[in-house]
Amino acid sequence: MPKTQPWFETLADSAYALGAAACEAQRAARTAELARDAYSLDRLRPVDGYVRLDGRDASMPFRPHDAVLFTVGDVLSEQANKLRALYNQAATGYAYGTAWAILRVLDGDHPDAVALGRTQEGYYVIPGELCPVPPLMPALQGWNDYPKFVAAHARMAICEEAGLFAEYLDEQDPLSEQDAAAFHEALDTASGTADAAVEFGHLAQSALHFALLKPRAEHHR
């Protein structure tokens, strides 16, 4: 009979799985966006030839090349949007889930896996204690990469706050010229949220290993 793994090992595996999911979604989203951006109708030369379709008015010829060009463009755009949404969700789960695990360990708890809510639509439900961004953790100050962790935390906070600001401005009607400029600037900053969350998640995963040093040592005594 296989030996049951201790809680700190399965917890580390849980955070690792969130990270693997986020990285896979990141690669897929970037590939899809590159394909969408590379498929520019401006650089393509539509062929003017047409065909007659049964039951269709002869004054409205069907142009097969045009039809395929626009369909491919729509599919690539839809795919890029779906994978970007998937990436955002996976990155969020990674950052917040791993931060939750660190907090539990620092509080002396022994969770055997990350605990996050998840809606039927696939959106992670973040614990209220972690909103709007995971808190700083002074107990990790003995860890060498703590300054990087703090910096990544700040970048993630800036991106998320920009997203909230953009949502607020989007609800205002009409927007002044100044507000419109602020809206687009906020959107641009908010577009980096997923990347910032993954960066934070990577450091949080290392921080979790640091936080688990004591429980591991006590277990092996």
Protein backbone atom coordinates (compact mmCIF):
# COMPACT_ATOMS: atom_id res chain seq x y z
CA MET A 1 0.00 0.00 0.00
CA PRO A 2 1.52 3.37 -0.99
CA LYS A 3 2.53 5.64 1.84
CA THR A 4 0.33 8.71 2.30
CA GLN A 5 2.16 11.97 1.61
CA PRO A 6 2.32 14.49 4.47
CA TRP A 7 0.12 17.56 4.18
CA PHE A 8 2.96 19.94 3.29
CA GLU A 9 3.92 17.87 0.25
CA THR A 10 0.39 17.73 -1.16
CA LEU A 11 -0.01 21.45 -0.43
CA ALA A 12 3.15 22.20 -2.40
CA ASP A 13 1.88 19.97 -5.23
CA SER A 14 -1.42 21.88 -5.20
CA ALA A 15 0.34 25.23 -5.66
CA TYR A 16 2.56 23.70 -8.34
CA ALA A 17 -0.52 22.50 -10.26
CA LEU A 18 -1.96 26.03 -10.19
CA GLY A 19 1.31 27.36 -11.53
CA ALA A 20 1.48 24.76 -14.30
CA ALA A 21 -2.07 25.64 -15.33
CA ALA A 22 -1.27 29.36 -15.42
CA CYS A 23 1.88 28.85 -17.50
CA GLU A 24 0.07 26.60 -19.98
CA ALA A 25 -2.74 29.13 -20.35
CA GLN A 26 -0.17 31.91 -20.77
CA ARG A 27 1.55 30.08 -23.63
CA ALA A 28 -1.75 29.31 -25.33
CA ALA A 29 -3.02 32.89 -25.01
CA ARG A 30 0.19 34.37 -26.42
CA THR A 31 0.23 31.93 -29.33
CA ALA A 32 -3.41 32.73 -30.16
CA GLU A 33 -2.81 36.47 -29.95
CA LEU A 34 0.22 36.23 -32.24
CA ALA A 35 -1.83 34.26 -34.76
CA ARG A 36 -4.68 36.80 -34.58
CA ASP A 37 -2.37 39.78 -34.96
CA ALA A 38 -0.46 38.18 -37.83
CA TYR A 39 -3.67 37.54 -39.73
CA SER A 40 -4.21 41.06 -41.03
CA LEU A 41 -6.71 41.55 -43.83
CA ASP A 42 -4.77 44.66 -44.83
CA ARG A 43 -1.85 42.55 -46.00
CA LEU A 44 -4.01 39.96 -47.77
CA ARG A 45 -5.20 40.38 -51.32
CA PRO A 46 -8.74 39.06 -51.77
CA VAL A 47 -9.43 37.22 -54.99
CA ASP A 48 -12.32 38.82 -56.86
CA GLY A 49 -13.67 35.59 -58.37
CA TYR A 50 -17.17 34.53 -57.39
CA VAL A 51 -19.42 31.49 -57.67
CA ARG A 52 -23.13 31.08 -58.19
CA LEU A 53 -24.94 29.49 -55.28
CA ASP A 54 -28.15 27.56 -55.76
CA GLY A 55 -31.15 29.52 -54.55
CA ARG A 56 -29.22 32.76 -54.21
CA ASP A 57 -30.04 35.96 -56.08
CA ALA A 58 -27.73 36.25 -59.09
CA SER A 59 -27.17 39.93 -58.22
CA MET A 60 -25.50 38.84 -54.97
CA PRO A 61 -22.56 36.63 -56.03
CA PHE A 62 -20.75 34.60 -53.39
CA ARG A 63 -17.04 35.31 -53.09
CA PRO A 64 -15.44 32.23 -51.47
CA HIS A 65 -12.10 33.82 -50.74
CA ASP A 66 -13.71 36.77 -48.94
CA ALA A 67 -15.91 34.42 -46.94
CA VAL A 68 -12.96 32.34 -45.76
CA LEU A 69 -10.83 35.38 -44.95
CA PHE A 70 -13.46 36.91 -42.70
CA THR A 71 -14.35 33.58 -41.09
CA VAL A 72 -10.74 32.80 -40.27
CA GLY A 73 -10.29 36.29 -38.83
CA ASP A 74 -13.38 35.91 -36.64
CA VAL A 75 -12.30 32.48 -35.40
CA LEU A 76 -8.78 33.65 -34.56
CA SER A 77 -10.15 36.68 -32.72
CA GLU A 78 -12.66 34.60 -30.76
CA GLN A 79 -10.01 32.04 -29.89
CA ALA A 80 -7.60 34.74 -28.69
CA ASN A 81 -10.31 36.30 -26.50
CA LYS A 82 -11.28 32.95 -24.96
CA LEU A 83 -7.71 31.97 -24.22
CA ARG A 84 -6.95 35.40 -22.77
CA ALA A 85 -9.92 34.98 -20.42
CA LEU A 86 -8.67 31.49 -19.49
CA TYR A 87 -5.21 32.90 -18.83
CA ASN A 88 -6.60 35.64 -16.61
CA GLN A 89 -8.49 33.09 -14.54
CA ALA A 90 -5.60 30.64 -14.27
CA ALA A 91 -3.18 33.41 -13.29
CA THR A 92 -5.61 34.71 -10.68
CA GLY A 93 -6.01 31.25 -9.18
CA TYR A 94 -2.25 30.78 -9.05
CA ALA A 95 -1.48 34.09 -7.35
CA TYR A 96 -4.33 34.09 -4.86
CA GLY A 97 -4.33 30.37 -4.20
CA THR A 98 -0.65 30.25 -3.39
CA ALA A 99 -0.93 33.37 -1.22
CA TRP A 100 -3.79 31.70 0.67
CA ALA A 101 -1.60 28.65 1.28
CA ILE A 102 1.24 30.79 2.65
CA LEU A 103 -1.08 32.60 5.04
CA ARG A 104 -2.50 29.31 6.33
CA VAL A 105 0.97 27.87 6.94
CA LEU A 106 2.17 31.04 8.68
CA ASP A 107 -0.93 30.87 10.90
CA GLY A 108 0.06 27.36 11.96
CA ASP A 109 -2.61 25.52 9.95
CA HIS A 110 -2.00 22.30 8.04
CA PRO A 111 -4.01 22.45 4.79
CA ASP A 112 -3.35 19.54 2.46
CA ALA A 113 -4.34 21.55 -0.63
CA VAL A 114 -5.13 25.06 -1.77
CA ALA A 115 -8.79 25.94 -1.18
CA LEU A 116 -10.52 28.25 -3.65
CA GLY A 117 -14.11 28.69 -4.71
CA ARG A 118 -14.97 28.24 -8.39
CA THR A 119 -18.13 29.20 -10.23
CA GLN A 120 -19.86 27.09 -12.90
CA GLU A 121 -18.48 29.54 -15.47
CA GLY A 122 -14.93 28.73 -14.37
CA TYR A 123 -14.19 31.89 -12.37
CA TYR A 124 -12.22 31.54 -9.16
CA VAL A 125 -13.85 32.94 -6.03
CA ILE A 126 -11.12 34.65 -4.01
CA PRO A 127 -11.28 34.54 -0.20
CA GLY A 128 -12.24 37.93 1.20
CA GLU A 129 -9.09 38.14 3.30
CA LEU A 130 -7.01 38.30 0.11
CA CYS A 131 -8.92 41.08 -1.66
CA PRO A 132 -8.17 43.28 -3.46
CA VAL A 133 -4.66 41.79 -3.50
CA PRO A 134 -2.95 39.32 -1.18
CA PRO A 135 -1.50 41.09 1.87
CA LEU A 136 2.19 41.48 2.50
CA MET A 137 3.68 38.86 4.81
CA PRO A 138 6.37 40.25 7.16
CA ALA A 139 6.97 36.74 8.54
CA LEU A 140 8.80 36.00 5.28
CA GLN A 141 11.39 38.73 5.73
CA GLY A 142 14.07 36.13 6.42
CA TRP A 143 13.62 34.79 2.90
CA ASN A 144 16.20 36.07 0.38
CA ASP A 145 13.67 36.94 -2.32
CA TYR A 146 11.32 38.84 -0.03
CA PRO A 147 12.15 42.23 -1.67
CA LYS A 148 11.26 40.75 -5.08
CA PHE A 149 8.07 39.37 -3.58
CA VAL A 150 7.13 42.83 -2.29
CA ALA A 151 7.86 44.40 -5.69
CA ALA A 152 5.76 41.77 -7.49
CA HIS A 153 2.96 42.37 -4.99
CA ALA A 154 3.07 46.09 -5.80
CA ARG A 155 2.96 45.49 -9.57
CA MET A 156 -0.02 43.21 -9.22
CA ALA A 157 -1.81 45.77 -7.05
CA ILE A 158 -1.21 48.55 -9.59
CA CYS A 159 -2.61 46.43 -12.44
CA GLU A 160 -5.69 45.36 -10.48
CA GLU A 161 -6.40 48.90 -9.29
CA ALA A 162 -6.12 50.11 -12.90
CA GLY A 163 -8.67 47.49 -13.91
CA LEU A 164 -11.11 48.65 -11.25
CA PHE A 165 -10.59 52.27 -12.30
CA ALA A 166 -11.21 51.38 -15.95
CA GLU A 167 -14.45 49.62 -14.96
CA TYR A 168 -15.54 52.71 -13.04
CA LEU A 169 -14.82 55.04 -15.97
CA ASP A 170 -16.55 52.69 -18.38
CA GLU A 171 -19.78 53.19 -16.43
CA GLN A 172 -19.59 56.99 -16.75
CA ASP A 173 -21.42 58.56 -19.67
CA PRO A 174 -20.38 60.70 -21.35
CA LEU A 175 -16.62 60.71 -20.76
CA SER A 176 -14.66 63.93 -21.00
CA GLU A 177 -11.61 63.94 -23.25
CA GLN A 178 -9.41 63.79 -20.17
CA ASP A 179 -11.36 60.86 -18.71
CA ALA A 180 -11.27 59.04 -22.04
CA ALA A 181 -7.47 59.32 -22.05
CA ALA A 182 -7.37 58.07 -18.45
CA PHE A 183 -9.66 55.18 -19.39
CA HIS A 184 -7.37 53.98 -22.17
CA GLU A 185 -4.30 54.39 -19.97
CA ALA A 186 -5.97 52.35 -17.22
CA LEU A 187 -6.96 49.65 -19.73
CA ASP A 188 -3.38 49.45 -20.95
CA THR A 189 -2.07 49.03 -17.39
CA ALA A 190 -4.80 46.53 -16.49
CA SER A 191 -3.88 44.39 -19.52
CA GLY A 192 -0.75 43.36 -17.60
CA THR A 193 -2.72 41.91 -14.68
CA ALA A 194 -2.36 38.26 -15.73
CA ASP A 195 1.39 38.55 -16.30
CA ALA A 196 1.79 40.34 -12.96
CA ALA A 197 -0.25 37.63 -11.25
CA VAL A 198 1.93 34.89 -12.72
CA GLU A 199 5.10 36.71 -11.65
CA PHE A 200 3.67 37.08 -8.15
CA GLY A 201 2.57 33.43 -8.21
CA HIS A 202 6.08 32.20 -9.07
CA LEU A 203 7.55 34.12 -6.15
CA ALA A 204 4.69 33.08 -3.88
CA GLN A 205 5.40 29.46 -4.72
CA SER A 206 9.01 29.92 -3.62
CA ALA A 207 7.77 31.74 -0.53
CA LEU A 208 5.52 28.79 0.26
CA HIS A 209 8.52 26.45 0.16
CA PHE A 210 10.29 28.80 2.56
CA ALA A 211 7.26 28.85 4.88
CA LEU A 212 7.14 25.05 4.80
CA LEU A 213 10.77 24.63 5.93
CA LYS A 214 9.78 24.60 9.59
CA PRO A 215 6.87 22.14 9.27
CA ARG A 216 9.06 19.84 7.17
CA ALA A 217 11.88 19.95 9.73
CA GLU A 218 9.46 19.23 12.60
CA HIS A 219 7.97 16.32 10.67
CA HIS A 220 11.35 14.68 10.10
CA ARG A 221 12.58 14.97 13.65
